[in-house]
Amino acid sequence: MRWEMEMEEVEAVLERISDLHDKISDAIHTISRAHFLRLVKDSRGGRDQPPLVAKEVDCEGDGKGGFVYVKDLGVEVEDQGAAMEEARSLNAIRTALENLEDQLDFFHVSSATFGC
């Protein structure tokens, strides 16, 4: 009975690691996307609209011309260096979680296989 409880605990820990991994990956993606879009905007000189809006593409007459606009980035970062450092830090945490998950999964599978 005790061994079954330990197996359930390992499964719960693996599930929690997977959830944290997903959340960290989402945070890294959000930071990277915000940084990239800010760089693109800065390279255009701070213009809000794309430099070329073709009139023949603008079928609806709304001035968007088929371009995709991002309304809300969800991240406001003053210092770009700090944003990239945060992304690197989150990546290191994600890598550590992946290593822990691999080790726990190995022990979980090997103990279930050999009945140890």
C-alpha atoms as a PDB file:
ATOM      1  CA  MET A   1       0.000   0.000   0.000  1.00  0.00           C
ATOM      2  CA  ARG A   2       2.789   2.373   0.847  1.00  0.00           C
ATOM      3  CA  TRP A   3       4.429   1.851  -2.541  1.00  0.00           C
ATOM      4  CA  GLU A   4       1.164   2.667  -4.356  1.00  0.00           C
ATOM      5  CA  MET A   5       0.938   5.918  -2.446  1.00  0.00           C
ATOM      6  CA  GLU A   6       4.468   6.847  -3.456  1.00  0.00           C
ATOM      7  CA  MET A   7       3.637   6.119  -7.102  1.00  0.00           C
ATOM      8  CA  GLU A   8       0.600   8.397  -6.872  1.00  0.00           C
ATOM      9  CA  GLU A   9       2.750  11.125  -5.363  1.00  0.00           C
ATOM     10  CA  VAL A  10       5.293  10.790  -8.179  1.00  0.00           C
ATOM     11  CA  GLU A  11       2.498  11.069 -10.737  1.00  0.00           C
ATOM     12  CA  ALA A  12       1.178  14.188  -8.994  1.00  0.00           C
ATOM     13  CA  VAL A  13       4.648  15.747  -8.985  1.00  0.00           C
ATOM     14  CA  LEU A  14       5.103  14.928 -12.693  1.00  0.00           C
ATOM     15  CA  GLU A  15       1.763  16.564 -13.455  1.00  0.00           C
ATOM     16  CA  ARG A  16       2.699  19.675 -11.467  1.00  0.00           C
ATOM     17  CA  ILE A  17       6.068  19.878 -13.249  1.00  0.00           C
ATOM     18  CA  SER A  18       4.272  19.687 -16.582  1.00  0.00           C
ATOM     19  CA  ASP A  19       1.920  22.516 -15.564  1.00  0.00           C
ATOM     20  CA  LEU A  20       4.818  24.709 -14.425  1.00  0.00           C
ATOM     21  CA  HIS A  21       6.706  23.938 -17.631  1.00  0.00           C
ATOM     22  CA  ASP A  22       3.730  25.117 -19.702  1.00  0.00           C
ATOM     23  CA  LYS A  23       3.333  28.320 -17.680  1.00  0.00           C
ATOM     24  CA  ILE A  24       7.036  29.140 -17.932  1.00  0.00           C
ATOM     25  CA  SER A  25       7.022  28.441 -21.677  1.00  0.00           C
ATOM     26  CA  ASP A  26       4.048  30.790 -22.084  1.00  0.00           C
ATOM     27  CA  ALA A  27       5.837  33.509 -20.114  1.00  0.00           C
ATOM     28  CA  ILE A  28       8.999  33.139 -22.224  1.00  0.00           C
ATOM     29  CA  HIS A  29       6.906  33.325 -25.393  1.00  0.00           C
ATOM     30  CA  THR A  30       5.104  36.459 -24.196  1.00  0.00           C
ATOM     31  CA  ILE A  31       8.351  38.227 -23.280  1.00  0.00           C
ATOM     32  CA  SER A  32      10.002  37.233 -26.554  1.00  0.00           C
ATOM     33  CA  ARG A  33       6.987  38.320 -28.607  1.00  0.00           C
ATOM     34  CA  ALA A  34       6.780  41.688 -26.853  1.00  0.00           C
ATOM     35  CA  HIS A  35      10.508  42.233 -27.346  1.00  0.00           C
ATOM     36  CA  PHE A  36      10.323  41.298 -31.036  1.00  0.00           C
ATOM     37  CA  LEU A  37       7.302  43.506 -31.727  1.00  0.00           C
ATOM     38  CA  ARG A  38       8.933  46.411 -29.922  1.00  0.00           C
ATOM     39  CA  LEU A  39      12.067  45.982 -32.059  1.00  0.00           C
ATOM     40  CA  VAL A  40       9.980  45.935 -35.233  1.00  0.00           C
ATOM     41  CA  LYS A  41       8.126  49.067 -34.158  1.00  0.00           C
ATOM     42  CA  ASP A  42      11.412  50.810 -33.268  1.00  0.00           C
ATOM     43  CA  SER A  43      12.949  49.885 -36.615  1.00  0.00           C
ATOM     44  CA  ARG A  44      10.018  51.572 -38.382  1.00  0.00           C
ATOM     45  CA  GLY A  45      10.638  54.786 -36.483  1.00  0.00           C
ATOM     46  CA  GLY A  46       7.690  54.421 -34.116  1.00  0.00           C
ATOM     47  CA  ARG A  47       5.047  54.527 -36.844  1.00  0.00           C
ATOM     48  CA  ASP A  48       1.807  52.867 -35.871  1.00  0.00           C
ATOM     49  CA  GLN A  49       0.877  51.657 -39.349  1.00  0.00           C
ATOM     50  CA  PRO A  50       2.938  49.550 -41.723  1.00  0.00           C
ATOM     51  CA  PRO A  51       4.938  51.655 -44.239  1.00  0.00           C
ATOM     52  CA  LEU A  52       3.108  50.299 -47.297  1.00  0.00           C
ATOM     53  CA  VAL A  53      -0.628  49.795 -47.257  1.00  0.00           C
ATOM     54  CA  ALA A  54      -1.754  48.647 -50.688  1.00  0.00           C
ATOM     55  CA  LYS A  55      -5.108  50.103 -51.703  1.00  0.00           C
ATOM     56  CA  GLU A  56      -6.029  47.043 -53.770  1.00  0.00           C
ATOM     57  CA  VAL A  57      -5.561  44.832 -50.693  1.00  0.00           C
ATOM     58  CA  ASP A  58      -7.706  47.139 -48.549  1.00  0.00           C
ATOM     59  CA  CYS A  59     -11.049  45.624 -49.616  1.00  0.00           C
ATOM     60  CA  GLU A  60     -13.010  46.762 -46.590  1.00  0.00           C
ATOM     61  CA  GLY A  61     -11.733  50.313 -46.672  1.00  0.00           C
ATOM     62  CA  ASP A  62     -10.715  50.255 -43.017  1.00  0.00           C
ATOM     63  CA  GLY A  63      -7.078  51.225 -43.683  1.00  0.00           C
ATOM     64  CA  LYS A  64      -5.628  47.974 -42.407  1.00  0.00           C
ATOM     65  CA  GLY A  65      -4.752  46.619 -45.819  1.00  0.00           C
ATOM     66  CA  GLY A  66      -4.613  42.961 -44.777  1.00  0.00           C
ATOM     67  CA  PHE A  67      -2.049  43.443 -42.016  1.00  0.00           C
ATOM     68  CA  VAL A  68      -2.397  41.808 -38.623  1.00  0.00           C
ATOM     69  CA  TYR A  69      -2.446  44.182 -35.686  1.00  0.00           C
ATOM     70  CA  VAL A  70      -1.637  43.111 -32.137  1.00  0.00           C
ATOM     71  CA  LYS A  71      -3.926  44.935 -29.727  1.00  0.00           C
ATOM     72  CA  ASP A  72      -2.596  43.897 -26.331  1.00  0.00           C
ATOM     73  CA  LEU A  73       0.851  42.511 -25.618  1.00  0.00           C
ATOM     74  CA  GLY A  74       0.175  41.918 -21.942  1.00  0.00           C
ATOM     75  CA  VAL A  75       3.741  42.893 -20.982  1.00  0.00           C
ATOM     76  CA  GLU A  76       5.099  46.359 -20.421  1.00  0.00           C
ATOM     77  CA  VAL A  77       8.822  46.316 -19.845  1.00  0.00           C
ATOM     78  CA  GLU A  78      10.829  49.492 -19.503  1.00  0.00           C
ATOM     79  CA  ASP A  79      14.284  47.992 -19.850  1.00  0.00           C
ATOM     80  CA  GLN A  80      14.761  45.634 -22.797  1.00  0.00           C
ATOM     81  CA  GLY A  81      17.892  44.163 -21.218  1.00  0.00           C
ATOM     82  CA  ALA A  82      15.881  43.210 -18.151  1.00  0.00           C
ATOM     83  CA  ALA A  83      13.261  41.519 -20.331  1.00  0.00           C
ATOM     84  CA  MET A  84      15.834  39.374 -22.077  1.00  0.00           C
ATOM     85  CA  GLU A  85      17.505  38.537 -18.771  1.00  0.00           C
ATOM     86  CA  GLU A  86      14.145  37.460 -17.383  1.00  0.00           C
ATOM     87  CA  ALA A  87      13.553  35.267 -20.440  1.00  0.00           C
ATOM     88  CA  ARG A  88      16.993  33.655 -19.994  1.00  0.00           C
ATOM     89  CA  SER A  89      16.292  33.054 -16.319  1.00  0.00           C
ATOM     90  CA  LEU A  90      12.919  31.485 -17.085  1.00  0.00           C
ATOM     91  CA  ASN A  91      14.567  29.322 -19.742  1.00  0.00           C
ATOM     92  CA  ALA A  92      17.089  28.051 -17.167  1.00  0.00           C
ATOM     93  CA  ILE A  93      14.239  27.204 -14.777  1.00  0.00           C
ATOM     94  CA  ARG A  94      12.368  25.452 -17.584  1.00  0.00           C
ATOM     95  CA  THR A  95      15.463  23.396 -18.453  1.00  0.00           C
ATOM     96  CA  ALA A  96      15.891  22.389 -14.802  1.00  0.00           C
ATOM     97  CA  LEU A  97      12.229  21.321 -14.665  1.00  0.00           C
ATOM     98  CA  GLU A  98      12.696  19.259 -17.829  1.00  0.00           C
ATOM     99  CA  ASN A  99      15.705  17.507 -16.287  1.00  0.00           C
ATOM    100  CA  LEU A 100      13.792  16.818 -13.064  1.00  0.00           C
ATOM    101  CA  GLU A 101      10.830  15.540 -15.040  1.00  0.00           C
ATOM    102  CA  ASP A 102      13.084  13.182 -17.041  1.00  0.00           C
ATOM    103  CA  GLN A 103      14.654  11.801 -13.865  1.00  0.00           C
ATOM    104  CA  LEU A 104      11.331  11.306 -12.073  1.00  0.00           C
ATOM    105  CA  ASP A 105       9.817   9.746 -15.160  1.00  0.00           C
ATOM    106  CA  PHE A 106      12.764   7.350 -15.425  1.00  0.00           C
ATOM    107  CA  PHE A 107      12.418   6.281 -11.792  1.00  0.00           C
ATOM    108  CA  HIS A 108       8.646   6.035 -12.139  1.00  0.00           C
ATOM    109  CA  VAL A 109       8.848   3.810 -15.236  1.00  0.00           C
ATOM    110  CA  SER A 110      11.729   1.683 -13.970  1.00  0.00           C
ATOM    111  CA  SER A 111      10.081   1.075 -10.590  1.00  0.00           C
ATOM    112  CA  ALA A 112       6.801   0.146 -12.272  1.00  0.00           C
ATOM    113  CA  THR A 113       8.613  -2.175 -14.680  1.00  0.00           C
ATOM    114  CA  PHE A 114      10.801  -3.940 -12.142  1.00  0.00           C
ATOM    115  CA  GLY A 115       8.391  -3.677  -9.209  1.00  0.00           C
ATOM    116  CA  CYS A 116      11.038  -2.228  -6.899  1.00  0.00           C
END
